Amino acid sequence: MDQQIKEYIALSLAINVFKHDRPLFKGWSMANLYLSKIDHVVEQMQNDFNQM
């Protein structure tokens, strides 16, 4: 139970951080690579979060 609470908080925080950082990558020369990876990771974390 304690582990689930930690995962719930950590996933929520990580999702918000990636969403917040996403616009910062738009100015980079290789932004498409990073943005697609961020989108994929956020999608996976969101799925894990929803399964909790």
Protein backbone atom coordinates (compact mmCIF):
# COMPACT_ATOMS: atom_id res chain seq x y z
CA MET A 1 0.00 0.00 0.00
CA ASP A 2 2.77 2.41 0.92
CA GLN A 3 4.56 1.65 -2.36
CA GLN A 4 1.40 2.37 -4.37
CA ILE A 5 1.06 5.78 -2.75
CA LYS A 6 4.67 6.61 -3.63
CA GLU A 7 4.18 5.46 -7.23
CA TYR A 8 0.94 7.44 -7.51
CA ILE A 9 2.69 10.62 -6.37
CA ALA A 10 5.87 10.00 -8.39
CA LEU A 11 4.04 9.23 -11.63
CA SER A 12 1.82 12.26 -11.28
CA LEU A 13 4.82 14.49 -10.64
CA ALA A 14 6.87 12.99 -13.49
CA ILE A 15 4.02 13.41 -15.98
CA ASN A 16 3.60 17.05 -15.03
CA VAL A 17 7.35 17.73 -15.24
CA PHE A 18 7.62 16.21 -18.73
CA LYS A 19 4.58 18.19 -19.89
CA HIS A 20 6.08 21.36 -18.44
CA ASP A 21 9.53 20.74 -20.00
CA ARG A 22 8.16 19.82 -23.43
CA PRO A 23 7.98 23.42 -24.75
CA LEU A 24 11.61 24.00 -23.70
CA PHE A 25 12.81 21.43 -26.24
CA LYS A 26 11.10 23.12 -29.21
CA GLY A 27 14.03 25.47 -29.79
CA TRP A 28 16.61 22.69 -30.05
CA SER A 29 18.01 21.53 -33.35
CA MET A 30 17.09 17.91 -32.61
CA ALA A 31 13.77 18.75 -31.00
CA ASN A 32 11.75 16.20 -32.97
CA LEU A 33 13.77 13.32 -31.53
CA TYR A 34 13.33 14.49 -27.95
CA LEU A 35 9.70 15.50 -28.36
CA SER A 36 8.69 12.13 -29.77
CA LYS A 37 10.51 10.36 -26.94
CA ILE A 38 8.89 12.61 -24.33
CA ASP A 39 5.46 12.00 -25.84
CA HIS A 40 6.02 8.25 -25.75
CA VAL A 41 7.25 8.27 -22.15
CA VAL A 42 4.37 10.49 -21.00
CA GLU A 43 1.90 8.19 -22.71
CA GLN A 44 3.39 5.14 -20.98
CA MET A 45 3.40 6.87 -17.60
CA GLN A 46 -0.18 8.03 -18.10
CA ASN A 47 -1.23 4.45 -18.86
CA ASP A 48 0.54 3.20 -15.72
CA PHE A 49 -1.08 5.99 -13.70
CA ASN A 50 -4.53 5.15 -15.02
CA GLN A 51 -4.08 1.47 -14.14
CA MET A 52 -3.47 2.30 -10.48
